[in-house]
Amino acid sequence: MKKTHLKKNTTKLPLPYKVRKGFSIYCAIVLVVALMFTMSMTAFAANDDPLTVVNNLSDFIFGLIRAIGLIMLGFGIVQVGLSLKSHDPSQRANGFLTVAGGIVITFAKEILNLITG
């Protein structure tokens, strides 16, 4: 059996200079407008109390950590569900460990508050 490979020849359509120039000007304008909107954000000054700034930063960071924990928790639940379907005990153990880790990460701030008192 002889295999013959058909080679497809593709050619670019000619793009006139005016169209190319107009597209590059359009891209530059869109980029400038996007940068103008993103870089002109108003920065509100915080109160004179530095403790408020640290607390706000702490709340923001723990919010991000909570989001990561919820993502891990959801992934662990999916992993446990798939392991129950495929009858795979090692995947089931990994799923339960991921669920437990997601719960710990989700409630990390509350756990730290309980520990520190």
N, C-alpha and C. Protein backbone atom coordinates (compact mmCIF):
# COMPACT_ATOMS: atom_id res chain seq x y z
N MET A 1 0.83 -1.17 0.00
CA MET A 1 0.00 0.00 0.00
C MET A 1 0.87 1.23 0.00
N LYS A 2 0.67 2.05 -0.95
CA LYS A 2 1.47 3.25 -1.07
C LYS A 2 0.66 4.44 -0.56
N LYS A 3 1.26 5.16 0.36
CA LYS A 3 0.58 6.33 0.91
C LYS A 3 1.01 7.56 0.12
N THR A 4 0.05 8.26 -0.31
CA THR A 4 0.37 9.50 -1.00
C THR A 4 -0.08 10.66 -0.13
N HIS A 5 0.81 11.55 0.08
CA HIS A 5 0.51 12.72 0.90
C HIS A 5 0.16 13.88 -0.03
N LEU A 6 -0.99 14.39 0.20
CA LEU A 6 -1.42 15.54 -0.58
C LEU A 6 -0.97 16.79 0.16
N LYS A 7 -0.17 17.57 -0.47
CA LYS A 7 0.31 18.80 0.15
C LYS A 7 -0.59 19.94 -0.29
N LYS A 8 -1.15 20.61 0.72
CA LYS A 8 -2.03 21.72 0.42
C LYS A 8 -1.22 22.99 0.32
N ASN A 9 -1.37 23.65 -0.74
CA ASN A 9 -0.69 24.93 -0.91
C ASN A 9 -1.63 26.04 -0.49
N THR A 10 -1.17 26.82 0.46
CA THR A 10 -1.96 27.95 0.90
C THR A 10 -1.22 29.23 0.55
N THR A 11 -1.96 30.16 0.08
CA THR A 11 -1.35 31.45 -0.27
C THR A 11 -2.10 32.54 0.47
N LYS A 12 -1.33 33.51 0.90
CA LYS A 12 -1.95 34.64 1.58
C LYS A 12 -2.60 35.54 0.55
N LEU A 13 -3.73 36.07 0.95
CA LEU A 13 -4.37 37.05 0.08
C LEU A 13 -3.60 38.35 0.16
N PRO A 14 -3.47 39.04 -0.92
CA PRO A 14 -2.73 40.30 -0.87
C PRO A 14 -3.50 41.34 -0.06
N LEU A 15 -2.78 42.03 0.83
CA LEU A 15 -3.39 43.05 1.66
C LEU A 15 -2.85 44.40 1.21
N PRO A 16 -3.71 45.25 0.74
CA PRO A 16 -3.23 46.55 0.25
C PRO A 16 -2.57 47.36 1.36
N TYR A 17 -1.68 48.24 0.96
CA TYR A 17 -0.93 49.06 1.91
C TYR A 17 -1.86 49.94 2.73
N LYS A 18 -2.88 50.50 2.11
CA LYS A 18 -3.79 51.39 2.83
C LYS A 18 -4.55 50.64 3.93
N VAL A 19 -4.96 49.39 3.66
CA VAL A 19 -5.68 48.60 4.64
C VAL A 19 -4.75 48.26 5.81
N ARG A 20 -3.51 47.87 5.49
CA ARG A 20 -2.54 47.56 6.52
C ARG A 20 -2.25 48.77 7.40
N LYS A 21 -2.08 49.91 6.78
CA LYS A 21 -1.81 51.15 7.52
C LYS A 21 -3.01 51.54 8.38
N GLY A 22 -4.21 51.42 7.84
CA GLY A 22 -5.41 51.74 8.60
C GLY A 22 -5.60 50.81 9.78
N PHE A 23 -5.32 49.53 9.60
CA PHE A 23 -5.46 48.57 10.70
C PHE A 23 -4.44 48.84 11.79
N SER A 24 -3.22 49.18 11.42
CA SER A 24 -2.21 49.47 12.45
C SER A 24 -2.56 50.75 13.20
N ILE A 25 -3.11 51.74 12.53
CA ILE A 25 -3.55 52.96 13.21
C ILE A 25 -4.71 52.65 14.15
N TYR A 26 -5.64 51.83 13.71
CA TYR A 26 -6.77 51.43 14.56
C TYR A 26 -6.27 50.70 15.81
N CYS A 27 -5.33 49.75 15.64
CA CYS A 27 -4.78 49.02 16.79
C CYS A 27 -4.09 49.97 17.76
N ALA A 28 -3.35 50.95 17.23
CA ALA A 28 -2.66 51.90 18.10
C ALA A 28 -3.65 52.74 18.88
N ILE A 29 -4.73 53.17 18.25
CA ILE A 29 -5.74 53.98 18.93
C ILE A 29 -6.42 53.17 20.02
N VAL A 30 -6.77 51.92 19.72
CA VAL A 30 -7.41 51.06 20.72
C VAL A 30 -6.47 50.84 21.90
N LEU A 31 -5.20 50.61 21.64
CA LEU A 31 -4.22 50.41 22.71
C LEU A 31 -4.07 51.66 23.57
N VAL A 32 -4.01 52.83 22.94
CA VAL A 32 -3.87 54.08 23.70
C VAL A 32 -5.10 54.33 24.56
N VAL A 33 -6.29 54.09 24.02
CA VAL A 33 -7.52 54.30 24.79
C VAL A 33 -7.59 53.31 25.96
N ALA A 34 -7.22 52.06 25.72
CA ALA A 34 -7.24 51.07 26.79
C ALA A 34 -6.25 51.43 27.89
N LEU A 35 -5.05 51.85 27.51
CA LEU A 35 -4.08 52.26 28.51
C LEU A 35 -4.53 53.51 29.25
N MET A 36 -5.18 54.41 28.55
CA MET A 36 -5.65 55.63 29.19
C MET A 36 -6.70 55.32 30.26
N PHE A 37 -7.59 54.38 29.97
CA PHE A 37 -8.61 54.03 30.96
C PHE A 37 -8.04 53.23 32.12
N THR A 38 -7.08 52.36 31.85
CA THR A 38 -6.55 51.53 32.94
C THR A 38 -5.57 52.28 33.82
N MET A 39 -4.86 53.24 33.27
CA MET A 39 -3.85 53.95 34.07
C MET A 39 -4.37 55.22 34.73
N SER A 40 -5.61 55.56 34.48
CA SER A 40 -6.14 56.79 35.07
C SER A 40 -7.07 56.50 36.23
N MET A 41 -6.76 55.43 36.97
CA MET A 41 -7.61 55.09 38.10
C MET A 41 -7.32 56.05 39.26
N THR A 42 -8.35 56.43 39.95
CA THR A 42 -8.20 57.33 41.08
C THR A 42 -7.71 56.54 42.28
N ALA A 43 -6.67 57.05 42.91
CA ALA A 43 -6.14 56.40 44.11
C ALA A 43 -6.62 57.19 45.32
N PHE A 44 -7.47 56.56 46.11
CA PHE A 44 -7.97 57.22 47.30
C PHE A 44 -6.97 57.02 48.44
N ALA A 45 -6.65 58.10 49.10
CA ALA A 45 -5.70 58.02 50.21
C ALA A 45 -6.39 57.36 51.40
N ALA A 46 -5.63 56.55 52.09
CA ALA A 46 -6.17 55.88 53.26
C ALA A 46 -6.18 56.86 54.44
N ASN A 47 -6.82 56.43 55.48
CA ASN A 47 -6.83 57.25 56.69
C ASN A 47 -5.41 57.38 57.23
N ASP A 48 -5.24 58.26 58.17
CA ASP A 48 -3.92 58.45 58.75
C ASP A 48 -3.51 57.30 59.66
N ASP A 49 -4.44 56.43 59.95
CA ASP A 49 -4.17 55.31 60.84
C ASP A 49 -3.53 54.17 60.06
N PRO A 50 -2.25 53.85 60.31
CA PRO A 50 -1.62 52.76 59.56
C PRO A 50 -2.19 51.39 59.89
N LEU A 51 -2.80 51.26 61.07
CA LEU A 51 -3.39 49.98 61.45
C LEU A 51 -4.58 49.64 60.55
N THR A 52 -5.32 50.66 60.13
CA THR A 52 -6.44 50.44 59.20
C THR A 52 -5.94 49.92 57.87
N VAL A 53 -4.83 50.47 57.39
CA VAL A 53 -4.26 50.03 56.12
C VAL A 53 -3.81 48.56 56.22
N VAL A 54 -3.16 48.21 57.32
CA VAL A 54 -2.70 46.83 57.50
C VAL A 54 -3.89 45.89 57.61
N ASN A 55 -4.94 46.29 58.30
CA ASN A 55 -6.14 45.44 58.41
C ASN A 55 -6.82 45.25 57.06
N ASN A 56 -6.88 46.32 56.26
CA ASN A 56 -7.48 46.19 54.93
C ASN A 56 -6.66 45.25 54.05
N LEU A 57 -5.33 45.38 54.12
CA LEU A 57 -4.47 44.48 53.35
C LEU A 57 -4.62 43.04 53.82
N SER A 58 -4.72 42.85 55.12
CA SER A 58 -4.91 41.51 55.67
C SER A 58 -6.24 40.91 55.20
N ASP A 59 -7.30 41.71 55.23
CA ASP A 59 -8.60 41.22 54.75
C ASP A 59 -8.54 40.85 53.28
N PHE A 60 -7.84 41.66 52.48
CA PHE A 60 -7.72 41.38 51.05
C PHE A 60 -6.96 40.07 50.82
N ILE A 61 -5.85 39.89 51.51
CA ILE A 61 -5.04 38.68 51.32
C ILE A 61 -5.80 37.45 51.78
N PHE A 62 -6.49 37.56 52.93
CA PHE A 62 -7.26 36.40 53.39
C PHE A 62 -8.45 36.12 52.48
N GLY A 63 -8.97 37.15 51.81
CA GLY A 63 -10.02 36.93 50.82
C GLY A 63 -9.50 36.13 49.64
N LEU A 64 -8.29 36.46 49.18
CA LEU A 64 -7.67 35.68 48.09
C LEU A 64 -7.41 34.24 48.52
N ILE A 65 -6.92 34.08 49.76
CA ILE A 65 -6.66 32.73 50.27
C ILE A 65 -7.96 31.94 50.37
N ARG A 66 -9.04 32.60 50.79
CA ARG A 66 -10.33 31.92 50.88
C ARG A 66 -10.81 31.49 49.49
N ALA A 67 -10.59 32.34 48.47
CA ALA A 67 -11.00 31.97 47.11
C ALA A 67 -10.22 30.75 46.63
N ILE A 68 -8.92 30.71 46.91
CA ILE A 68 -8.11 29.55 46.52
C ILE A 68 -8.59 28.30 47.25
N GLY A 69 -8.93 28.45 48.54
CA GLY A 69 -9.44 27.31 49.30
C GLY A 69 -10.75 26.79 48.75
N LEU A 70 -11.63 27.70 48.33
CA LEU A 70 -12.91 27.26 47.75
C LEU A 70 -12.69 26.54 46.42
N ILE A 71 -11.72 27.02 45.63
CA ILE A 71 -11.42 26.34 44.37
C ILE A 71 -10.89 24.93 44.65
N MET A 72 -9.99 24.82 45.63
CA MET A 72 -9.48 23.49 45.99
C MET A 72 -10.58 22.59 46.52
N LEU A 73 -11.48 23.15 47.30
CA LEU A 73 -12.60 22.38 47.84
C LEU A 73 -13.48 21.85 46.72
N GLY A 74 -13.79 22.69 45.76
CA GLY A 74 -14.59 22.24 44.62
C GLY A 74 -13.89 21.17 43.80
N PHE A 75 -12.56 21.37 43.58
CA PHE A 75 -11.81 20.37 42.84
C PHE A 75 -11.77 19.05 43.58
N GLY A 76 -11.63 19.09 44.91
CA GLY A 76 -11.62 17.86 45.70
C GLY A 76 -12.94 17.13 45.63
N ILE A 77 -14.04 17.87 45.66
CA ILE A 77 -15.36 17.24 45.56
C ILE A 77 -15.53 16.56 44.20
N VAL A 78 -15.08 17.23 43.14
CA VAL A 78 -15.15 16.63 41.81
C VAL A 78 -14.28 15.38 41.74
N GLN A 79 -13.09 15.44 42.36
CA GLN A 79 -12.19 14.30 42.35
C GLN A 79 -12.78 13.11 43.10
N VAL A 80 -13.43 13.37 44.23
CA VAL A 80 -14.08 12.30 44.98
C VAL A 80 -15.21 11.70 44.16
N GLY A 81 -16.00 12.55 43.52
CA GLY A 81 -17.09 12.05 42.68
C GLY A 81 -16.61 11.19 41.54
N LEU A 82 -15.53 11.61 40.89
CA LEU A 82 -14.98 10.81 39.79
C LEU A 82 -14.39 9.50 40.30
N SER A 83 -13.80 9.52 41.50
CA SER A 83 -13.24 8.28 42.03
C SER A 83 -14.34 7.30 42.42
N LEU A 84 -15.47 7.81 42.89
CA LEU A 84 -16.59 6.91 43.21
C LEU A 84 -17.14 6.27 41.94
N LYS A 85 -17.09 7.01 40.85
CA LYS A 85 -17.58 6.47 39.59
C LYS A 85 -16.62 5.42 39.02
N SER A 86 -15.31 5.65 39.17
CA SER A 86 -14.34 4.73 38.57
C SER A 86 -13.83 3.68 39.55
N HIS A 87 -14.27 3.72 40.80
CA HIS A 87 -13.86 2.75 41.83
C HIS A 87 -12.34 2.74 42.01
N ASP A 88 -11.74 3.93 42.09
CA ASP A 88 -10.30 4.05 42.26
C ASP A 88 -10.00 4.53 43.67
N PRO A 89 -9.50 3.65 44.56
CA PRO A 89 -9.30 4.05 45.96
C PRO A 89 -8.20 5.09 46.15
N SER A 90 -7.14 5.07 45.36
CA SER A 90 -6.08 6.06 45.54
C SER A 90 -6.56 7.45 45.13
N GLN A 91 -7.36 7.51 44.06
CA GLN A 91 -7.92 8.80 43.65
C GLN A 91 -8.93 9.28 44.70
N ARG A 92 -9.64 8.36 45.31
CA ARG A 92 -10.60 8.73 46.36
C ARG A 92 -9.87 9.32 47.56
N ALA A 93 -8.75 8.70 47.95
CA ALA A 93 -7.96 9.22 49.07
C ALA A 93 -7.41 10.61 48.75
N ASN A 94 -6.91 10.78 47.53
CA ASN A 94 -6.42 12.11 47.13
C ASN A 94 -7.55 13.13 47.12
N GLY A 95 -8.73 12.71 46.71
CA GLY A 95 -9.88 13.61 46.71
C GLY A 95 -10.26 14.06 48.10
N PHE A 96 -10.28 13.12 49.05
CA PHE A 96 -10.61 13.49 50.42
C PHE A 96 -9.55 14.38 51.04
N LEU A 97 -8.27 14.12 50.71
CA LEU A 97 -7.21 15.00 51.20
C LEU A 97 -7.33 16.40 50.60
N THR A 98 -7.71 16.49 49.34
CA THR A 98 -7.90 17.80 48.71
C THR A 98 -9.08 18.52 49.34
N VAL A 99 -10.16 17.80 49.63
CA VAL A 99 -11.32 18.41 50.30
C VAL A 99 -10.92 18.93 51.67
N ALA A 100 -10.17 18.11 52.43
CA ALA A 100 -9.74 18.54 53.77
C ALA A 100 -8.82 19.76 53.69
N GLY A 101 -7.89 19.74 52.73
CA GLY A 101 -7.00 20.89 52.55
C GLY A 101 -7.77 22.14 52.14
N GLY A 102 -8.77 21.98 51.28
CA GLY A 102 -9.59 23.11 50.87
C GLY A 102 -10.36 23.70 52.03
N ILE A 103 -10.86 22.84 52.92
CA ILE A 103 -11.59 23.33 54.09
C ILE A 103 -10.65 24.10 55.01
N VAL A 104 -9.44 23.55 55.23
CA VAL A 104 -8.47 24.23 56.11
C VAL A 104 -8.07 25.57 55.51
N ILE A 105 -7.80 25.62 54.21
CA ILE A 105 -7.39 26.87 53.58
C ILE A 105 -8.54 27.87 53.57
N THR A 106 -9.77 27.40 53.33
CA THR A 106 -10.91 28.30 53.31
C THR A 106 -11.12 28.98 54.65
N PHE A 107 -10.94 28.23 55.73
CA PHE A 107 -11.18 28.80 57.05
C PHE A 107 -9.87 29.12 57.78
N ALA A 108 -8.83 29.48 57.03
CA ALA A 108 -7.52 29.76 57.63
C ALA A 108 -7.57 30.95 58.57
N LYS A 109 -8.28 32.00 58.20
CA LYS A 109 -8.34 33.19 59.06
C LYS A 109 -9.02 32.87 60.39
N GLU A 110 -10.13 32.14 60.33
CA GLU A 110 -10.84 31.78 61.55
C GLU A 110 -10.00 30.85 62.43
N ILE A 111 -9.27 29.92 61.79
CA ILE A 111 -8.40 29.01 62.54
C ILE A 111 -7.29 29.80 63.23
N LEU A 112 -6.69 30.76 62.52
CA LEU A 112 -5.63 31.57 63.12
C LEU A 112 -6.18 32.43 64.25
N ASN A 113 -7.40 32.95 64.08
CA ASN A 113 -8.00 33.73 65.17
C ASN A 113 -8.27 32.87 66.39
N LEU A 114 -8.67 31.60 66.20
CA LEU A 114 -8.88 30.70 67.33
C LEU A 114 -7.57 30.36 68.04
N ILE A 115 -6.50 30.19 67.26
CA ILE A 115 -5.22 29.84 67.85
C ILE A 115 -4.64 31.02 68.64
N THR A 116 -4.69 32.20 68.02
CA THR A 116 -4.08 33.36 68.69
C THR A 116 -4.97 33.94 69.78
N GLY A 117 -6.22 33.66 69.75
CA GLY A 117 -7.12 34.09 70.81
C GLY A 117 -7.72 35.40 70.65
